[in-house]
């Protein structure tokens, strides 16, 4: 009984928070779902923010290391609720299991590439009225890695990619952030799972690619390297450096900019 009361209390607090930061929340739906993954044989907590409009573009939003969907709305990018209304987009926020790195692990039951690109996309398209040709993926830090990694590998699913403060090459620091748990100890194997290792797949896909990083972000050099490699490969992309570091303040500002560009891209594709 105490457990049920605690869950109800937490739900009421979260709902009150939603109303506080977005008074127009009644004109949209905020669904907290348990989406079953047949590949992992478990439910994955997912928040879906939908405006009350039909035939809507969808953006899959991936949190960073140690994050989770509720934290995204409360702390990391609280403006997402208003941005969903402003741009008339569905936002899908899956839980990335703290440090899954959004890959299919070869050593454990962690299949987040399969879950997001096959199971979750199918679930969302079946449950909501989506524009299947207007589907983007974006994220920050570990989620920036995930967005680029999954987007590059699945251009038939995602027409646009946004990476913010992206951990696009985790080889130098992956030991400290759970990579060994999903990939084992052999760093020669790790190389094949970095986001930057996938960019040649972006050739001739016509995907919109957005890259943002702050001047003082610890990942700035590898994002510059990503930018340079894309130029060398003649892959069109938008690259932005601006004041900021690796924190929620920067992620929130960059997300607003990237969602503006995604909205413009979706509108242009309608013409």
C-alpha atoms as a PDB file:
ATOM      1  CA  UNK A   1       0.000   0.000   0.000  1.00  0.00           C
ATOM      2  CA  UNK A   2       2.805   2.407   0.845  1.00  0.00           C
ATOM      3  CA  UNK A   3       4.460   1.695  -2.512  1.00  0.00           C
ATOM      4  CA  UNK A   4       1.262   2.495  -4.421  1.00  0.00           C
ATOM      5  CA  UNK A   5       0.813   5.745  -2.505  1.00  0.00           C
ATOM      6  CA  UNK A   6       4.420   6.736  -3.293  1.00  0.00           C
ATOM      7  CA  UNK A   7       3.909   6.073  -7.014  1.00  0.00           C
ATOM      8  CA  UNK A   8       0.697   8.127  -7.027  1.00  0.00           C
ATOM      9  CA  UNK A   9       2.426  10.975  -5.176  1.00  0.00           C
ATOM     10  CA  UNK A  10       5.367  10.959  -7.603  1.00  0.00           C
ATOM     11  CA  UNK A  11       2.999  10.986 -10.584  1.00  0.00           C
ATOM     12  CA  UNK A  12       1.093  13.939  -9.132  1.00  0.00           C
ATOM     13  CA  UNK A  13       4.326  15.860  -8.537  1.00  0.00           C
ATOM     14  CA  UNK A  14       5.481  15.223 -12.108  1.00  0.00           C
ATOM     15  CA  UNK A  15       2.079  16.257 -13.485  1.00  0.00           C
ATOM     16  CA  UNK A  16       2.149  19.468 -11.420  1.00  0.00           C
ATOM     17  CA  UNK A  17       5.635  20.188 -12.741  1.00  0.00           C
ATOM     18  CA  UNK A  18       4.407  19.732 -16.328  1.00  0.00           C
ATOM     19  CA  UNK A  19       1.590  22.223 -15.777  1.00  0.00           C
ATOM     20  CA  UNK A  20       3.993  24.702 -14.202  1.00  0.00           C
ATOM     21  CA  UNK A  21       6.474  24.756 -17.092  1.00  0.00           C
ATOM     22  CA  UNK A  22       3.881  24.373 -19.839  1.00  0.00           C
ATOM     23  CA  UNK A  23       0.438  25.838 -18.990  1.00  0.00           C
ATOM     24  CA  UNK A  24      -0.832  24.739 -22.421  1.00  0.00           C
ATOM     25  CA  UNK A  25      -0.139  21.096 -21.590  1.00  0.00           C
ATOM     26  CA  UNK A  26      -3.855  20.274 -21.845  1.00  0.00           C
ATOM     27  CA  UNK A  27      -3.599  20.902 -25.623  1.00  0.00           C
ATOM     28  CA  UNK A  28      -1.107  18.067 -25.874  1.00  0.00           C
ATOM     29  CA  UNK A  29      -0.744  14.553 -24.550  1.00  0.00           C
ATOM     30  CA  UNK A  30       2.171  13.365 -22.415  1.00  0.00           C
ATOM     31  CA  UNK A  31       2.107   9.596 -22.355  1.00  0.00           C
ATOM     32  CA  UNK A  32       4.367   7.541 -20.097  1.00  0.00           C
ATOM     33  CA  UNK A  33       4.535   4.110 -21.676  1.00  0.00           C
ATOM     34  CA  UNK A  34       6.069   0.712 -21.044  1.00  0.00           C
ATOM     35  CA  UNK A  35       7.042  -0.425 -24.526  1.00  0.00           C
ATOM     36  CA  UNK A  36       7.820  -4.110 -24.707  1.00  0.00           C
ATOM     37  CA  UNK A  37      11.066  -5.103 -26.412  1.00  0.00           C
ATOM     38  CA  UNK A  38      10.859  -8.614 -27.838  1.00  0.00           C
ATOM     39  CA  UNK A  39      14.618  -8.569 -28.503  1.00  0.00           C
ATOM     40  CA  UNK A  40      15.403  -7.902 -24.818  1.00  0.00           C
ATOM     41  CA  UNK A  41      12.281  -9.504 -23.285  1.00  0.00           C
ATOM     42  CA  UNK A  42      11.487  -6.491 -21.104  1.00  0.00           C
ATOM     43  CA  UNK A  43       9.566  -3.230 -21.021  1.00  0.00           C
ATOM     44  CA  UNK A  44      11.349   0.034 -21.812  1.00  0.00           C
ATOM     45  CA  UNK A  45      10.008   3.197 -20.195  1.00  0.00           C
ATOM     46  CA  UNK A  46       9.241   5.761 -22.892  1.00  0.00           C
ATOM     47  CA  UNK A  47       7.660   9.216 -22.717  1.00  0.00           C
ATOM     48  CA  UNK A  48       5.794  10.467 -25.787  1.00  0.00           C
ATOM     49  CA  UNK A  49       4.823  14.125 -26.120  1.00  0.00           C
ATOM     50  CA  UNK A  50       2.166  14.718 -28.778  1.00  0.00           C
ATOM     51  CA  UNK A  51       0.354  17.864 -29.891  1.00  0.00           C
ATOM     52  CA  UNK A  52      -3.350  17.479 -30.590  1.00  0.00           C
ATOM     53  CA  UNK A  53      -2.907  17.343 -34.336  1.00  0.00           C
ATOM     54  CA  UNK A  54      -2.923  14.530 -36.856  1.00  0.00           C
ATOM     55  CA  UNK A  55      -0.304  13.438 -39.389  1.00  0.00           C
ATOM     56  CA  UNK A  56       2.686  14.748 -37.424  1.00  0.00           C
ATOM     57  CA  UNK A  57       6.503  14.625 -37.835  1.00  0.00           C
ATOM     58  CA  UNK A  58       8.301  12.608 -35.164  1.00  0.00           C
ATOM     59  CA  UNK A  59      11.606  13.294 -33.412  1.00  0.00           C
ATOM     60  CA  UNK A  60      13.257  10.577 -31.332  1.00  0.00           C
ATOM     61  CA  UNK A  61      15.215  12.245 -28.523  1.00  0.00           C
ATOM     62  CA  UNK A  62      18.027  10.308 -26.816  1.00  0.00           C
ATOM     63  CA  UNK A  63      19.281  11.311 -23.364  1.00  0.00           C
ATOM     64  CA  UNK A  64      22.893  11.317 -22.242  1.00  0.00           C
ATOM     65  CA  UNK A  65      24.847   8.987 -19.968  1.00  0.00           C
ATOM     66  CA  UNK A  66      22.992   8.334 -16.685  1.00  0.00           C
ATOM     67  CA  UNK A  67      19.889  10.162 -17.914  1.00  0.00           C
ATOM     68  CA  UNK A  68      16.267   9.072 -18.238  1.00  0.00           C
ATOM     69  CA  UNK A  69      13.138  10.510 -19.915  1.00  0.00           C
ATOM     70  CA  UNK A  70      11.632  12.276 -16.893  1.00  0.00           C
ATOM     71  CA  UNK A  71      14.932  14.018 -16.209  1.00  0.00           C
ATOM     72  CA  UNK A  72      14.999  15.198 -19.814  1.00  0.00           C
ATOM     73  CA  UNK A  73      11.691  17.025 -19.356  1.00  0.00           C
ATOM     74  CA  UNK A  74      12.427  18.242 -15.832  1.00  0.00           C
ATOM     75  CA  UNK A  75      16.072  19.246 -16.083  1.00  0.00           C
ATOM     76  CA  UNK A  76      17.905  18.718 -19.357  1.00  0.00           C
ATOM     77  CA  UNK A  77      15.540  20.275 -21.917  1.00  0.00           C
ATOM     78  CA  UNK A  78      12.330  21.402 -20.150  1.00  0.00           C
ATOM     79  CA  UNK A  79      11.350  23.523 -23.166  1.00  0.00           C
ATOM     80  CA  UNK A  80      10.536  20.361 -25.144  1.00  0.00           C
ATOM     81  CA  UNK A  81       6.875  20.554 -24.144  1.00  0.00           C
ATOM     82  CA  UNK A  82       6.469  24.048 -25.571  1.00  0.00           C
ATOM     83  CA  UNK A  83       8.550  23.173 -28.636  1.00  0.00           C
ATOM     84  CA  UNK A  84       6.306  20.202 -29.398  1.00  0.00           C
ATOM     85  CA  UNK A  85       3.340  22.577 -29.514  1.00  0.00           C
ATOM     86  CA  UNK A  86       5.201  25.294 -31.419  1.00  0.00           C
ATOM     87  CA  UNK A  87       6.454  23.005 -34.179  1.00  0.00           C
ATOM     88  CA  UNK A  88       3.587  20.486 -34.071  1.00  0.00           C
ATOM     89  CA  UNK A  89       5.936  17.537 -33.615  1.00  0.00           C
ATOM     90  CA  UNK A  90       5.740  14.284 -31.696  1.00  0.00           C
ATOM     91  CA  UNK A  91       8.715  13.808 -29.369  1.00  0.00           C
ATOM     92  CA  UNK A  92       9.626  10.247 -28.370  1.00  0.00           C
ATOM     93  CA  UNK A  93      11.929   9.896 -25.343  1.00  0.00           C
ATOM     94  CA  UNK A  94      13.055   6.297 -24.735  1.00  0.00           C
ATOM     95  CA  UNK A  95      15.013   5.237 -21.678  1.00  0.00           C
ATOM     96  CA  UNK A  96      18.587   4.360 -22.670  1.00  0.00           C
ATOM     97  CA  UNK A  97      19.263   2.137 -19.634  1.00  0.00           C
ATOM     98  CA  UNK A  98      21.766   4.563 -18.054  1.00  0.00           C
ATOM     99  CA  UNK A  99      24.753   3.532 -20.218  1.00  0.00           C
ATOM    100  CA  UNK A 100      23.561   1.346 -23.105  1.00  0.00           C
ATOM    101  CA  UNK A 101      25.205   3.653 -25.681  1.00  0.00           C
ATOM    102  CA  UNK A 102      22.195   2.804 -27.874  1.00  0.00           C
ATOM    103  CA  UNK A 103      23.972  -0.146 -29.521  1.00  0.00           C
ATOM    104  CA  UNK A 104      23.288  -3.864 -29.831  1.00  0.00           C
ATOM    105  CA  UNK A 105      25.734  -5.380 -27.385  1.00  0.00           C
ATOM    106  CA  UNK A 106      27.563  -8.521 -28.551  1.00  0.00           C
ATOM    107  CA  UNK A 107      28.108  -9.665 -24.943  1.00  0.00           C
ATOM    108  CA  UNK A 108      24.902  -8.960 -22.975  1.00  0.00           C
ATOM    109  CA  UNK A 109      21.158  -8.571 -23.312  1.00  0.00           C
ATOM    110  CA  UNK A 110      21.283  -4.928 -24.347  1.00  0.00           C
ATOM    111  CA  UNK A 111      19.820  -4.421 -27.835  1.00  0.00           C
ATOM    112  CA  UNK A 112      18.991  -0.735 -27.984  1.00  0.00           C
ATOM    113  CA  UNK A 113      19.720  -0.322 -31.690  1.00  0.00           C
ATOM    114  CA  UNK A 114      17.146  -3.003 -32.443  1.00  0.00           C
ATOM    115  CA  UNK A 115      14.722  -1.609 -29.891  1.00  0.00           C
ATOM    116  CA  UNK A 116      14.759   1.967 -31.197  1.00  0.00           C
ATOM    117  CA  UNK A 117      15.046   1.398 -34.944  1.00  0.00           C
ATOM    118  CA  UNK A 118      12.725  -1.598 -35.248  1.00  0.00           C
ATOM    119  CA  UNK A 119      10.513  -2.135 -32.231  1.00  0.00           C
ATOM    120  CA  UNK A 120       9.934   1.403 -30.970  1.00  0.00           C
ATOM    121  CA  UNK A 121       9.519   3.048 -34.385  1.00  0.00           C
ATOM    122  CA  UNK A 122       6.965   0.414 -35.346  1.00  0.00           C
ATOM    123  CA  UNK A 123       5.145   0.830 -32.034  1.00  0.00           C
ATOM    124  CA  UNK A 124       4.968   4.621 -32.372  1.00  0.00           C
ATOM    125  CA  UNK A 125       3.824   4.507 -36.001  1.00  0.00           C
ATOM    126  CA  UNK A 126       1.083   2.040 -35.064  1.00  0.00           C
ATOM    127  CA  UNK A 127      -0.122   3.964 -32.006  1.00  0.00           C
ATOM    128  CA  UNK A 128       0.143   7.571 -33.244  1.00  0.00           C
ATOM    129  CA  UNK A 129      -0.721   9.420 -36.446  1.00  0.00           C
ATOM    130  CA  UNK A 130       2.808  10.056 -37.727  1.00  0.00           C
ATOM    131  CA  UNK A 131       4.344  11.242 -40.983  1.00  0.00           C
ATOM    132  CA  UNK A 132       6.553   8.284 -41.722  1.00  0.00           C
ATOM    133  CA  UNK A 133       8.712  10.210 -44.213  1.00  0.00           C
ATOM    134  CA  UNK A 134       9.341  12.960 -41.636  1.00  0.00           C
ATOM    135  CA  UNK A 135      11.196  11.218 -38.848  1.00  0.00           C
ATOM    136  CA  UNK A 136      14.340  12.558 -37.112  1.00  0.00           C
ATOM    137  CA  UNK A 137      16.632  11.409 -34.327  1.00  0.00           C
ATOM    138  CA  UNK A 138      18.592  13.709 -32.019  1.00  0.00           C
ATOM    139  CA  UNK A 139      20.379  13.571 -28.675  1.00  0.00           C
ATOM    140  CA  UNK A 140      23.157  14.955 -26.524  1.00  0.00           C
ATOM    141  CA  UNK A 141      26.360  13.471 -25.093  1.00  0.00           C
ATOM    142  CA  UNK A 142      25.840   9.668 -25.130  1.00  0.00           C
ATOM    143  CA  UNK A 143      22.564  10.413 -26.900  1.00  0.00           C
ATOM    144  CA  UNK A 144      24.435  12.511 -29.476  1.00  0.00           C
ATOM    145  CA  UNK A 145      26.521   9.440 -30.186  1.00  0.00           C
ATOM    146  CA  UNK A 146      23.337   7.377 -30.386  1.00  0.00           C
ATOM    147  CA  UNK A 147      21.603   9.769 -32.775  1.00  0.00           C
ATOM    148  CA  UNK A 148      24.529   9.834 -35.206  1.00  0.00           C
ATOM    149  CA  UNK A 149      25.258   6.103 -34.874  1.00  0.00           C
ATOM    150  CA  UNK A 150      21.651   5.013 -35.431  1.00  0.00           C
ATOM    151  CA  UNK A 151      20.849   7.717 -37.965  1.00  0.00           C
ATOM    152  CA  UNK A 152      23.835   6.850 -40.150  1.00  0.00           C
ATOM    153  CA  UNK A 153      23.047   3.141 -40.010  1.00  0.00           C
ATOM    154  CA  UNK A 154      19.328   3.553 -40.737  1.00  0.00           C
ATOM    155  CA  UNK A 155      18.800   6.304 -43.336  1.00  0.00           C
ATOM    156  CA  UNK A 156      15.627   4.559 -44.506  1.00  0.00           C
ATOM    157  CA  UNK A 157      14.115   5.312 -41.075  1.00  0.00           C
ATOM    158  CA  UNK A 158      15.524   8.735 -40.145  1.00  0.00           C
ATOM    159  CA  UNK A 159      15.539  11.570 -42.667  1.00  0.00           C
ATOM    160  CA  UNK A 160      17.389  13.888 -40.272  1.00  0.00           C
ATOM    161  CA  UNK A 161      20.009  13.601 -37.508  1.00  0.00           C
ATOM    162  CA  UNK A 162      20.916  16.024 -34.733  1.00  0.00           C
ATOM    163  CA  UNK A 163      23.858  15.563 -32.383  1.00  0.00           C
ATOM    164  CA  UNK A 164      24.535  17.967 -29.496  1.00  0.00           C
ATOM    165  CA  UNK A 165      27.769  17.794 -27.458  1.00  0.00           C
ATOM    166  CA  UNK A 166      28.101  14.377 -29.036  1.00  0.00           C
ATOM    167  CA  UNK A 167      30.379  11.706 -27.566  1.00  0.00           C
ATOM    168  CA  UNK A 168      31.102  10.661 -31.141  1.00  0.00           C
ATOM    169  CA  UNK A 169      34.313   8.744 -30.348  1.00  0.00           C
ATOM    170  CA  UNK A 170      34.239   7.070 -26.936  1.00  0.00           C
ATOM    171  CA  UNK A 171      37.586   5.267 -27.291  1.00  0.00           C
ATOM    172  CA  UNK A 172      39.538   7.700 -25.031  1.00  0.00           C
ATOM    173  CA  UNK A 173      37.044   7.735 -22.143  1.00  0.00           C
ATOM    174  CA  UNK A 174      34.687   4.776 -22.570  1.00  0.00           C
ATOM    175  CA  UNK A 175      36.235   2.849 -19.673  1.00  0.00           C
ATOM    176  CA  UNK A 176      34.790   5.439 -17.270  1.00  0.00           C
ATOM    177  CA  UNK A 177      31.342   5.475 -18.828  1.00  0.00           C
ATOM    178  CA  UNK A 178      30.200   1.885 -19.086  1.00  0.00           C
ATOM    179  CA  UNK A 179      31.422   0.961 -22.575  1.00  0.00           C
ATOM    180  CA  UNK A 180      33.230  -2.123 -21.277  1.00  0.00           C
ATOM    181  CA  UNK A 181      29.927  -3.440 -19.899  1.00  0.00           C
ATOM    182  CA  UNK A 182      28.326  -3.475 -23.343  1.00  0.00           C
ATOM    183  CA  UNK A 183      31.341  -4.181 -25.586  1.00  0.00           C
ATOM    184  CA  UNK A 184      33.871  -6.042 -23.446  1.00  0.00           C
ATOM    185  CA  UNK A 185      37.558  -5.226 -23.027  1.00  0.00           C
ATOM    186  CA  UNK A 186      38.813  -5.368 -26.628  1.00  0.00           C
ATOM    187  CA  UNK A 187      39.104  -1.781 -27.862  1.00  0.00           C
ATOM    188  CA  UNK A 188      39.578  -3.000 -31.416  1.00  0.00           C
ATOM    189  CA  UNK A 189      35.919  -4.022 -31.209  1.00  0.00           C
ATOM    190  CA  UNK A 190      34.967  -0.671 -29.672  1.00  0.00           C
ATOM    191  CA  UNK A 191      36.151   1.155 -32.798  1.00  0.00           C
ATOM    192  CA  UNK A 192      33.385  -0.399 -34.873  1.00  0.00           C
ATOM    193  CA  UNK A 193      30.703   0.956 -32.529  1.00  0.00           C
ATOM    194  CA  UNK A 194      31.742   4.609 -32.339  1.00  0.00           C
ATOM    195  CA  UNK A 195      29.485   7.087 -34.097  1.00  0.00           C
ATOM    196  CA  UNK A 196      32.393   8.561 -36.043  1.00  0.00           C
ATOM    197  CA  UNK A 197      33.140   5.125 -37.533  1.00  0.00           C
ATOM    198  CA  UNK A 198      29.745   5.150 -39.274  1.00  0.00           C
ATOM    199  CA  UNK A 199      29.844   8.441 -41.155  1.00  0.00           C
ATOM    200  CA  UNK A 200      30.761   7.055 -44.572  1.00  0.00           C
ATOM    201  CA  UNK A 201      27.281   5.504 -44.564  1.00  0.00           C
ATOM    202  CA  UNK A 202      25.918   9.081 -44.830  1.00  0.00           C
ATOM    203  CA  UNK A 203      27.061   9.311 -48.466  1.00  0.00           C
ATOM    204  CA  UNK A 204      24.169  10.069 -50.840  1.00  0.00           C
ATOM    205  CA  UNK A 205      21.475   9.603 -48.192  1.00  0.00           C
ATOM    206  CA  UNK A 206      20.209  13.209 -48.426  1.00  0.00           C
ATOM    207  CA  UNK A 207      19.714  13.240 -44.672  1.00  0.00           C
ATOM    208  CA  UNK A 208      19.737  16.556 -42.860  1.00  0.00           C
ATOM    209  CA  UNK A 209      22.704  16.441 -40.462  1.00  0.00           C
ATOM    210  CA  UNK A 210      22.998  18.923 -37.581  1.00  0.00           C
ATOM    211  CA  UNK A 211      26.028  19.081 -35.270  1.00  0.00           C
ATOM    212  CA  UNK A 212      26.303  21.446 -32.287  1.00  0.00           C
ATOM    213  CA  UNK A 213      28.994  21.738 -29.620  1.00  0.00           C
ATOM    214  CA  UNK A 214      30.045  24.381 -27.095  1.00  0.00           C
ATOM    215  CA  UNK A 215      33.445  26.059 -27.167  1.00  0.00           C
ATOM    216  CA  UNK A 216      34.258  24.764 -23.670  1.00  0.00           C
ATOM    217  CA  UNK A 217      32.810  21.277 -24.085  1.00  0.00           C
ATOM    218  CA  UNK A 218      35.299  18.449 -23.401  1.00  0.00           C
ATOM    219  CA  UNK A 219      34.084  16.846 -26.655  1.00  0.00           C
ATOM    220  CA  UNK A 220      34.763  19.887 -28.830  1.00  0.00           C
ATOM    221  CA  UNK A 221      37.894  18.478 -30.468  1.00  0.00           C
ATOM    222  CA  UNK A 222      36.247  15.242 -31.551  1.00  0.00           C
ATOM    223  CA  UNK A 223      33.286  17.185 -32.899  1.00  0.00           C
ATOM    224  CA  UNK A 224      35.687  19.357 -34.885  1.00  0.00           C
ATOM    225  CA  UNK A 225      37.280  16.167 -36.190  1.00  0.00           C
ATOM    226  CA  UNK A 226      33.830  14.894 -37.171  1.00  0.00           C
ATOM    227  CA  UNK A 227      33.148  18.164 -39.001  1.00  0.00           C
ATOM    228  CA  UNK A 228      36.479  17.954 -40.866  1.00  0.00           C
ATOM    229  CA  UNK A 229      35.915  14.339 -41.878  1.00  0.00           C
ATOM    230  CA  UNK A 230      32.444  15.112 -43.205  1.00  0.00           C
ATOM    231  CA  UNK A 231      33.932  17.933 -45.296  1.00  0.00           C
ATOM    232  CA  UNK A 232      36.597  15.586 -46.672  1.00  0.00           C
ATOM    233  CA  UNK A 233      33.899  13.056 -47.544  1.00  0.00           C
ATOM    234  CA  UNK A 234      31.789  15.792 -49.224  1.00  0.00           C
ATOM    235  CA  UNK A 235      28.835  15.041 -46.962  1.00  0.00           C
ATOM    236  CA  UNK A 236      26.598  18.117 -46.494  1.00  0.00           C
ATOM    237  CA  UNK A 237      25.914  19.072 -42.893  1.00  0.00           C
ATOM    238  CA  UNK A 238      25.311  22.012 -40.560  1.00  0.00           C
ATOM    239  CA  UNK A 239      28.050  22.505 -37.973  1.00  0.00           C
ATOM    240  CA  UNK A 240      27.728  25.040 -35.162  1.00  0.00           C
ATOM    241  CA  UNK A 241      30.110  26.006 -32.382  1.00  0.00           C
ATOM    242  CA  UNK A 242      28.893  28.513 -29.830  1.00  0.00           C
ATOM    243  CA  UNK A 243      29.571  29.574 -26.238  1.00  0.00           C
ATOM    244  CA  UNK A 244      28.810  26.830 -23.748  1.00  0.00           C
ATOM    245  CA  UNK A 245      30.036  23.697 -22.045  1.00  0.00           C
ATOM    246  CA  UNK A 246      28.771  20.173 -21.378  1.00  0.00           C
ATOM    247  CA  UNK A 247      25.659  21.004 -19.387  1.00  0.00           C
ATOM    248  CA  UNK A 248      21.876  21.305 -19.549  1.00  0.00           C
ATOM    249  CA  UNK A 249      21.980  25.038 -20.245  1.00  0.00           C
ATOM    250  CA  UNK A 250      23.881  24.493 -23.487  1.00  0.00           C
ATOM    251  CA  UNK A 251      21.894  21.389 -24.487  1.00  0.00           C
ATOM    252  CA  UNK A 252      18.630  23.264 -24.087  1.00  0.00           C
ATOM    253  CA  UNK A 253      19.787  26.186 -26.231  1.00  0.00           C
ATOM    254  CA  UNK A 254      21.223  23.908 -28.924  1.00  0.00           C
ATOM    255  CA  UNK A 255      18.087  21.732 -28.964  1.00  0.00           C
ATOM    256  CA  UNK A 256      15.923  24.780 -29.678  1.00  0.00           C
ATOM    257  CA  UNK A 257      18.169  25.679 -32.611  1.00  0.00           C
ATOM    258  CA  UNK A 258      18.244  22.166 -34.007  1.00  0.00           C
ATOM    259  CA  UNK A 259      14.474  21.724 -33.698  1.00  0.00           C
ATOM    260  CA  UNK A 260      14.003  25.010 -35.573  1.00  0.00           C
ATOM    261  CA  UNK A 261      16.149  23.634 -38.415  1.00  0.00           C
ATOM    262  CA  UNK A 262      14.336  20.296 -38.344  1.00  0.00           C
ATOM    263  CA  UNK A 263      11.005  22.088 -38.607  1.00  0.00           C
ATOM    264  CA  UNK A 264      12.265  24.088 -41.612  1.00  0.00           C
ATOM    265  CA  UNK A 265      13.521  20.879 -43.220  1.00  0.00           C
ATOM    266  CA  UNK A 266      10.186  19.131 -42.726  1.00  0.00           C
ATOM    267  CA  UNK A 267       8.303  22.127 -44.145  1.00  0.00           C
ATOM    268  CA  UNK A 268      10.577  22.270 -47.193  1.00  0.00           C
ATOM    269  CA  UNK A 269      10.066  18.566 -47.806  1.00  0.00           C
ATOM    270  CA  UNK A 270       6.332  19.173 -48.047  1.00  0.00           C
ATOM    271  CA  UNK A 271       6.793  21.584 -50.962  1.00  0.00           C
END
